Protein backbone atom coordinates (compact mmCIF):
# COMPACT_ATOMS: atom_id res chain seq x y z
CA MET A 1 -0.04 -0.02 0.06
CA ALA A 2 0.99 3.61 -0.55
CA ASN A 3 1.74 4.48 3.05
CA SER A 4 4.08 1.51 3.58
CA LYS A 5 6.71 3.71 1.99
CA GLN A 6 6.51 6.32 4.69
CA GLU A 7 9.01 6.30 7.54
CA SER A 8 6.11 6.54 10.15
CA LYS A 9 2.85 4.79 10.00
CA PHE A 10 -0.34 6.03 11.74
CA VAL A 11 -3.53 4.31 12.74
CA PHE A 12 -6.78 6.26 12.89
CA VAL A 13 -9.63 5.23 15.25
CA ILE A 14 -13.19 6.49 15.45
CA CYS A 15 -14.88 6.28 18.74
CA GLN A 16 -17.96 7.94 20.41
CA ASN A 17 -17.69 11.53 21.33
CA GLY A 18 -16.52 11.51 24.93
CA ALA A 19 -14.91 8.06 24.92
CA GLU A 20 -11.48 9.16 23.81
CA THR A 21 -9.55 8.92 27.01
CA ALA A 22 -11.03 5.36 27.66
CA ALA A 23 -10.26 4.40 24.12
CA LYS A 24 -6.74 5.48 24.41
CA LEU A 25 -6.29 3.54 27.59
CA GLU A 26 -7.96 0.39 26.14
CA ILE A 27 -5.77 0.49 22.99
CA ALA A 28 -2.59 1.23 24.90
CA LYS A 29 -3.11 -1.70 27.17
CA GLN A 30 -3.79 -4.09 24.13
CA TYR A 31 -1.28 -2.54 21.72
CA PRO A 32 1.78 -1.02 23.44
CA GLN A 33 3.39 -0.50 20.01
CA LEU A 34 0.61 2.19 19.25
CA LYS A 35 1.66 5.47 20.57
CA PHE A 36 -1.01 8.07 20.96
CA ALA A 37 -0.47 11.05 18.54
CA PHE A 38 -3.64 13.18 17.92
CA SER A 39 -7.12 13.68 19.42
CA ARG A 40 -10.33 15.43 18.72
CA PRO A 41 -13.78 14.33 20.13
CA GLY A 42 -14.49 11.04 18.46
CA PHE A 43 -11.23 10.84 16.54
CA LEU A 44 -7.83 9.44 17.51
CA THR A 45 -4.68 8.68 15.70
CA PHE A 46 -1.76 6.55 16.95
CA LYS A 47 1.84 6.24 15.59
CA LEU A 48 2.98 2.68 14.99
CA ASP A 49 6.10 2.36 17.12
CA ALA A 50 7.40 -1.18 16.66
CA PRO A 51 10.54 -2.90 15.22
CA LYS A 52 10.27 -3.43 11.47
CA SER A 53 9.48 -7.00 10.40
CA GLU A 54 11.10 -8.54 7.21
CA ASN A 55 8.22 -7.18 5.12
CA GLY A 56 8.46 -3.73 6.67
CA ASP A 57 4.88 -3.78 8.22
CA GLY A 58 6.07 -3.02 11.74
CA GLY A 59 4.03 -5.93 12.99
CA PHE A 60 0.72 -4.48 11.67
CA PRO A 61 -0.31 -6.00 8.29
CA ASP A 62 -2.47 -3.83 6.00
CA ARG A 63 -5.45 -5.97 6.88
CA PHE A 64 -4.92 -5.67 10.62
CA LEU A 65 -7.69 -6.15 13.20
CA LEU A 66 -8.01 -3.74 16.24
CA ARG A 67 -9.37 -5.65 19.17
CA SER A 68 -11.25 -2.79 20.81
CA VAL A 69 -14.81 -2.48 22.35
CA LEU A 70 -14.74 1.24 21.94
CA ALA A 71 -13.41 1.62 18.43
CA ARG A 72 -16.27 2.12 16.06
CA THR A 73 -13.97 1.71 13.03
CA PHE A 74 -10.34 2.03 12.23
CA GLY A 75 -7.77 2.01 9.55
CA TRP A 76 -4.36 3.62 8.32
CA SER A 77 -4.08 7.33 8.40
CA ILE A 78 -2.08 8.62 5.48
CA GLY A 79 -2.67 12.35 5.13
CA ARG A 80 -4.70 15.42 5.84
CA VAL A 81 -5.89 18.47 3.81
CA ASP A 82 -6.99 21.83 5.07
CA GLY A 83 -9.00 24.72 3.61
CA ASN A 84 -12.41 26.24 3.10
CA ASP A 85 -12.83 25.29 -0.61
CA ALA A 86 -14.43 21.86 -0.51
CA ALA A 87 -13.82 21.26 -4.24
CA LYS A 88 -10.19 21.87 -3.91
CA LEU A 89 -9.84 19.54 -1.01
CA VAL A 90 -11.74 16.86 -3.04
CA GLU A 91 -9.34 17.50 -5.88
CA GLN A 92 -6.28 17.12 -3.59
CA ILE A 93 -7.47 13.85 -2.20
CA CYS A 94 -8.43 12.37 -5.58
CA GLN A 95 -4.79 12.81 -6.62
CA HIS A 96 -3.57 10.22 -4.13
CA ASP A 97 -2.31 7.09 -5.84
CA LEU A 98 -4.24 4.74 -3.46
CA ILE A 99 -7.53 5.94 -4.87
CA SER A 100 -6.90 3.87 -7.85
CA SER A 101 -6.88 0.69 -5.92
CA ALA A 102 -9.94 1.38 -3.78
CA THR A 103 -13.38 0.02 -4.71
CA HIS A 104 -15.18 2.12 -2.24
CA LEU A 105 -14.88 5.66 -0.61
CA HIS A 106 -16.41 6.45 2.65
CA VAL A 107 -16.72 10.01 3.82
CA TRP A 108 -18.21 11.11 7.02
CA GLN A 109 -17.99 13.66 10.01
CA ARG A 110 -16.91 12.74 13.51
CA ASP A 111 -19.74 12.84 15.97
CA PRO A 112 -20.42 16.42 17.20
CA MET A 113 -21.95 15.22 20.35
CA THR A 114 -23.11 12.07 22.28
CA PRO A 115 -25.64 9.97 20.26
CA GLY A 116 -29.19 10.80 21.36
CA LYS A 117 -28.32 14.23 22.76
CA ASN A 118 -30.36 17.02 21.25
CA GLY A 119 -31.81 14.67 18.58
CA PHE A 120 -28.45 13.86 17.12
CA GLU A 121 -27.94 10.27 15.70
CA PRO A 122 -24.70 9.08 13.99
CA GLY A 123 -24.59 8.55 10.36
CA ILE A 124 -23.90 10.41 7.13
CA SER A 125 -24.52 14.11 8.02
CA PRO A 126 -26.01 16.49 5.47
CA LEU A 127 -22.56 18.14 4.98
CA ALA A 128 -20.85 14.80 4.52
CA ASN A 129 -23.54 13.72 2.08
CA GLU A 130 -22.85 16.93 -0.11
CA ILE A 131 -19.08 16.26 0.11
CA GLY A 132 -19.77 12.62 -0.98
CA LYS A 133 -21.56 13.96 -3.94
CA LEU A 134 -18.48 16.10 -4.93
CA PHE A 135 -16.33 12.89 -4.76
CA LYS A 136 -18.89 10.89 -6.66
CA ASN A 137 -18.90 13.51 -9.55
CA HIS A 138 -15.01 13.71 -9.69
CA PRO A 139 -13.73 12.09 -12.90
CA GLN A 140 -11.20 9.99 -10.97
CA ILE A 141 -13.97 8.42 -8.92
CA GLN A 142 -16.20 7.91 -11.85
CA ASN A 143 -13.37 6.43 -14.05
CA GLN A 144 -12.44 4.04 -11.34
CA GLN A 145 -16.14 3.34 -10.76
CA ILE A 146 -15.56 3.81 -7.03
CA VAL A 147 -18.68 3.53 -4.92
CA VAL A 148 -19.30 6.33 -2.48
CA ASN A 149 -20.81 5.84 1.04
CA ARG A 150 -22.47 2.46 0.49
CA LEU A 151 -22.20 -0.94 2.11
CA THR A 152 -19.09 -2.65 0.93
CA GLN A 153 -18.39 -6.37 0.27
CA PRO A 154 -16.29 -8.23 2.77
CA ASP A 155 -12.54 -7.39 2.49
CA ASP A 156 -13.02 -4.56 -0.06
CA LEU A 157 -10.33 -1.81 0.03
CA VAL A 158 -11.94 1.43 1.25
CA PHE A 159 -10.57 4.89 1.04
CA ASP A 160 -11.64 6.85 4.03
CA VAL A 161 -12.13 10.61 4.34
CA VAL A 162 -12.92 11.74 7.83
CA MET A 163 -14.10 15.27 8.25
CA VAL A 164 -12.58 16.06 11.66
CA GLU A 165 -13.53 19.61 11.08
CA PRO A 166 -15.45 21.13 8.19
CA ASP A 167 -12.18 22.70 7.08
CA GLN A 168 -9.79 19.84 8.13
CA TRP A 169 -10.16 16.35 6.48
CA TRP A 170 -8.09 13.43 7.36
CA TYR A 171 -7.82 10.51 4.89
CA GLY A 172 -6.61 6.90 4.86
CA TYR A 173 -7.76 3.52 4.16
CA HIS A 174 -8.86 0.16 5.60
CA PHE A 175 -9.97 -3.28 4.35
CA ALA A 176 -13.51 -4.15 5.21
CA ASN A 177 -12.68 -7.27 7.18
CA THR A 178 -15.19 -6.56 9.98
CA LYS A 179 -18.97 -6.16 9.66
CA PRO A 180 -18.84 -2.47 10.88
CA GLY A 181 -15.69 -1.99 8.72
CA ARG A 182 -18.23 -2.27 5.74
CA TRP A 183 -20.32 0.67 7.00
CA PRO A 184 -19.34 4.41 6.36
CA GLY A 185 -17.66 5.57 9.61
CA GLY A 186 -18.65 2.24 11.27
CA VAL A 187 -22.34 3.24 11.37
CA PRO A 188 -25.01 0.97 9.81
CA LEU A 189 -26.95 2.45 6.90
CA VAL A 190 -30.29 2.62 8.72
CA ASP A 191 -33.09 5.25 8.71
CA SER A 192 -32.54 6.98 11.97
CA ASP A 193 -35.22 9.66 11.11
CA LYS A 194 -37.86 6.89 11.54
CA GLU A 195 -40.41 7.59 14.22
CA VAL A 196 -39.97 4.83 16.83
CA ALA A 197 -41.12 4.27 20.44
CA SER A 198 -37.54 4.87 21.67
CA ARG A 199 -33.87 4.75 20.70
CA ALA A 200 -33.76 1.21 21.70
CA PHE A 201 -35.14 0.39 18.34
CA PHE A 202 -32.01 1.71 16.62
CA LYS A 203 -29.63 -0.02 19.34
CA LEU A 204 -31.20 -3.36 18.73
CA GLN A 205 -31.17 -2.86 14.91
CA GLU A 206 -27.50 -2.29 14.91
CA ALA A 207 -26.80 -5.14 17.34
CA LEU A 208 -28.45 -7.50 15.08
CA LEU A 209 -26.73 -6.25 11.97
CA TRP A 210 -23.35 -6.44 13.79
CA SER A 211 -23.73 -9.83 15.42
CA GLY A 212 -25.42 -11.53 12.56
CA ILE A 213 -28.32 -12.66 14.64
CA VAL A 214 -31.64 -13.07 12.60
CA ILE A 215 -34.86 -12.73 14.48
CA GLY A 216 -38.22 -13.59 12.73
CA PRO A 217 -41.49 -15.50 12.60
CA GLY A 218 -41.46 -18.43 15.01
CA ASP A 219 -39.14 -16.78 17.45
CA LEU A 220 -40.11 -15.79 21.05
CA CYS A 221 -38.09 -12.84 22.49
CA ALA A 222 -38.12 -11.47 25.91
CA GLU A 223 -36.90 -8.03 26.97
CA ILE A 224 -36.11 -7.12 30.50
CA GLY A 225 -36.43 -3.31 30.85
CA SER A 226 -38.69 -3.03 27.73
CA SER A 227 -40.38 0.24 28.51
CA PRO A 228 -41.34 2.36 26.49
CA GLY A 229 -40.89 -0.34 23.72
CA GLY A 230 -38.45 0.56 20.98
CA ALA A 231 -36.59 -2.83 20.90
CA CYS A 232 -39.98 -4.63 21.14
CA GLU A 233 -41.31 -2.55 18.37
CA LEU A 234 -38.38 -3.71 16.03
CA MET A 235 -38.83 -7.52 17.11
CA LEU A 236 -42.62 -7.28 16.37
CA GLU A 237 -41.89 -5.68 12.95
CA MET A 238 -39.67 -8.74 12.27
CA GLY A 239 -42.53 -11.05 13.00
CA ALA A 240 -41.40 -12.41 16.42
CA GLY A 241 -43.54 -12.84 19.44
CA VAL A 242 -42.39 -10.60 22.34
CA LEU A 243 -42.57 -10.59 26.13
CA GLY A 244 -41.99 -7.17 27.46
CA ILE A 245 -40.84 -7.22 31.14
CA ASP A 246 -41.13 -3.89 32.85
CA PRO A 247 -43.35 -2.32 35.67
CA ALA A 248 -43.45 0.94 33.68
CA GLU A 249 -45.91 1.72 30.80
CA MET A 250 -45.34 0.62 27.28
CA GLU A 251 -46.05 2.58 24.06
CA PRO A 252 -49.70 2.03 23.19
CA SER A 253 -48.88 0.73 19.66
CA VAL A 254 -46.61 -1.82 21.07
CA LEU A 255 -49.00 -2.82 23.88
CA LYS A 256 -51.87 -3.38 21.47
CA HIS A 257 -49.92 -5.54 19.12
CA PRO A 258 -51.32 -9.19 19.08
CA ASP A 259 -47.90 -10.80 19.34
CA PHE A 260 -46.94 -8.71 22.48
CA ILE A 261 -47.41 -9.67 26.03
CA HIS A 262 -46.57 -7.11 28.89
CA ILE A 263 -45.35 -8.61 32.08
CA ARG A 264 -45.51 -5.60 34.55
CA LYS A 265 -42.76 -6.99 36.82
CA ARG A 266 -39.09 -6.47 37.41
CA GLY A 267 -36.89 -9.11 36.00
CA HIS A 268 -36.09 -10.75 39.20
CA GLU A 269 -39.78 -11.03 40.09
CA VAL A 270 -40.64 -13.14 36.93
CA ARG A 271 -40.98 -16.86 37.46
CA LYS A 272 -38.41 -18.76 35.53
CA LYS A 273 -41.05 -20.89 33.69
CA GLU A 274 -42.14 -17.69 31.88
CA PHE A 275 -38.76 -17.99 30.05
CA ARG A 276 -39.14 -21.62 29.14
CA ASP A 277 -39.99 -21.10 25.49
CA VAL A 278 -37.99 -17.90 24.95
CA ASP A 279 -35.42 -18.08 22.15
CA TRP A 280 -33.77 -14.63 22.58
CA LEU A 281 -33.31 -12.67 25.77
CA MET A 282 -32.65 -8.90 25.72
CA ALA A 283 -31.98 -6.68 28.59
CA ASP A 284 -31.53 -2.97 28.77
CA LEU A 285 -31.62 -1.90 32.36
CA ASN A 286 -30.52 1.50 33.83
CA LEU A 287 -28.63 -0.35 36.54
CA ALA A 288 -25.03 -1.34 37.17
CA PRO A 289 -23.67 -3.99 34.84
CA SER A 290 -23.13 -6.38 37.83
CA TYR A 291 -27.00 -6.37 38.53
CA THR A 292 -27.77 -7.22 34.84
CA MET A 293 -25.20 -9.89 34.72
CA GLU A 294 -26.43 -11.56 37.87
CA LEU A 295 -29.93 -11.47 36.76
CA VAL A 296 -29.13 -13.01 33.31
CA GLU A 297 -27.08 -15.62 34.94
CA GLU A 298 -29.82 -16.63 37.30
CA ILE A 299 -32.30 -16.88 34.47
CA ALA A 300 -30.22 -18.50 31.74
CA GLY A 301 -28.68 -21.06 34.30
CA HIS A 302 -32.09 -22.38 35.19
CA PRO A 303 -32.58 -25.99 33.96
CA SER A 304 -36.02 -25.09 32.30
CA VAL A 305 -34.47 -22.29 30.10
CA ASN A 306 -32.60 -22.77 26.92
CA PHE A 307 -31.97 -19.41 25.23
CA LYS A 308 -30.37 -19.41 21.75
CA GLY A 309 -28.65 -16.23 22.77
CA VAL A 310 -28.78 -12.93 24.64
CA ILE A 311 -28.24 -9.33 23.69
CA LEU A 312 -27.40 -7.10 26.74
CA THR A 313 -27.04 -3.33 26.95
CA LEU A 314 -24.65 -2.68 29.97
CA LYS A 315 -24.34 0.72 31.26
CA LEU A 316 -20.93 2.41 31.92
CA SER A 317 -21.30 4.39 35.25
CA ASP A 318 -17.80 5.58 34.38
CA TRP A 319 -15.68 4.85 31.42
CA GLY A 320 -13.28 2.85 33.64
CA THR A 321 -16.05 0.07 33.69
CA ILE A 322 -14.91 -0.88 30.16
CA GLN A 323 -11.91 -2.70 31.72
CA SER A 324 -14.25 -5.30 33.17
CA VAL A 325 -15.59 -6.37 29.73
CA SER A 326 -13.39 -9.55 29.67
CA LYS A 327 -14.80 -10.58 33.05
CA TYR A 328 -18.38 -10.23 31.74
CA ILE A 329 -17.45 -12.28 28.62
CA ALA A 330 -15.99 -15.06 30.78
CA ARG A 331 -19.04 -15.24 33.04
CA LEU A 332 -21.38 -15.80 30.01
CA LYS A 333 -19.06 -18.45 28.69
CA ARG A 334 -19.14 -20.29 31.97
CA ILE A 335 -22.94 -20.64 31.73
CA GLY A 336 -22.71 -22.28 28.31
CA PHE A 337 -22.54 -19.46 25.73
CA GLN A 338 -20.05 -20.45 23.21
CA VAL A 339 -19.76 -17.12 21.23
CA VAL A 340 -19.54 -13.93 23.31
CA LYS A 341 -18.51 -10.49 21.95
CA ALA A 342 -18.75 -6.87 23.03
CA ARG A 343 -18.85 -3.59 21.28
CA GLN A 344 -19.91 -0.09 21.88
CA LEU A 345 -22.48 0.36 19.12
CA ALA A 346 -22.68 3.72 17.16
CA PHE A 347 -26.23 4.11 18.63
CA ASN A 348 -25.12 3.32 22.18
CA ARG A 349 -24.71 6.15 24.63
CA GLN A 350 -22.38 5.67 27.71
CA GLU A 351 -23.01 1.90 27.38
CA PHE A 352 -21.97 -1.09 25.43
CA CYS A 353 -23.55 -4.11 23.82
CA LEU A 354 -22.76 -7.67 24.89
CA VAL A 355 -23.85 -10.43 22.71
CA ALA A 356 -23.85 -14.20 23.54
CA ILE A 357 -24.81 -17.16 21.52
CA LYS A 358 -25.26 -20.60 22.80
CA ASP A 359 -24.25 -22.61 19.56
CA LYS A 360 -21.30 -21.29 17.52
CA PHE A 361 -22.79 -22.98 14.38
CA LEU A 362 -26.24 -21.09 14.93
CA LEU A 363 -25.10 -17.90 13.01
CA ARG A 364 -24.23 -19.86 9.89
CA SER A 365 -27.79 -21.52 9.81
CA LEU A 366 -29.39 -18.16 10.61
CA LYS A 367 -27.46 -16.59 7.64
CA ARG A 368 -28.64 -19.36 5.33
CA SER A 369 -32.36 -19.24 6.39
CA ASN A 370 -32.27 -15.37 6.13
CA LYS A 371 -30.73 -15.63 2.60
CA LYS A 372 -33.54 -18.16 1.60
CA ARG A 373 -36.23 -15.90 3.23
CA LYS A 374 -35.05 -12.92 1.10
CA GLN A 375 -35.00 -15.06 -2.08
CA GLU A 376 -38.55 -16.22 -1.36
CA ARG A 377 -39.77 -12.58 -1.03
CA SER A 378 -38.13 -11.45 -4.22
């Protein structure tokens, strides 16, 4: 790649606005060869400081994977352009040699604030959309038939343009070797303007896309902490039956749905037999992660219960709590879940998503059945 000729190599990391310090600590602990270089809210760069290997990659191949809960997406940082003339900045970037190797170009702005605050939701902003059009109309992009701001195929080479400021753009590249790496800026291409019962709709939607879990007709789902009903609304739209467990009121449109049952209790008050036929358990409680984990362990460990998997939203009372993620993963594995992974979703706030699946081969069968379902509908 083009930047392999540089004396110094830099990695960029996109995270949630406000999570920078925690992300720096998480990455420094996991990758001591990455030295912090630059920071703005939601955007970090690191200098690769490692002995050169025989192929000169410094121990980081082009297709590297960054094991981080807080990193929304990541890649190689290879340059920066500054100025107030967007057309000139586009022209400068399109002269880079690497453009000719890319199949996709992703351009986005870093988050200006925390998701959900003042109506803000992550995704392609109006300004990034306009800049994307400038790139799309550039002869170099058209000649190379580079696709702008769309979902990529696995392992595609993506050229990245991060609008750190409206007049300061950083650019680089990554290979789409993770599911979020296929999304512009690590944010799924969903309609976040849709009117829903709550933001839990978008959080679960992203969790399903990221994890590969497919929910549909024939599934029975339960959510602890379901009020006002955003996640339940999504599951009902997908055709599943839903048990909403919460003493608080539910959104009327969810409550009247024929496939919804409201259990007006707290999670620990529900008899275990109520979960006997449940396939998927969700929990989104505004309580300490330790409480949620103990509750899920108690329910999932009961002999009458056999979940296919669980999707948990765990609150971060402070950012230091992220250091306990490995312990939560280990606890779920001890009660029989074979696949467990964590990620701070783009639509999460100061929280993260923990997904656990009982059978490691289940995702393959779900993928096949979902593909067949799509073919039957077309």
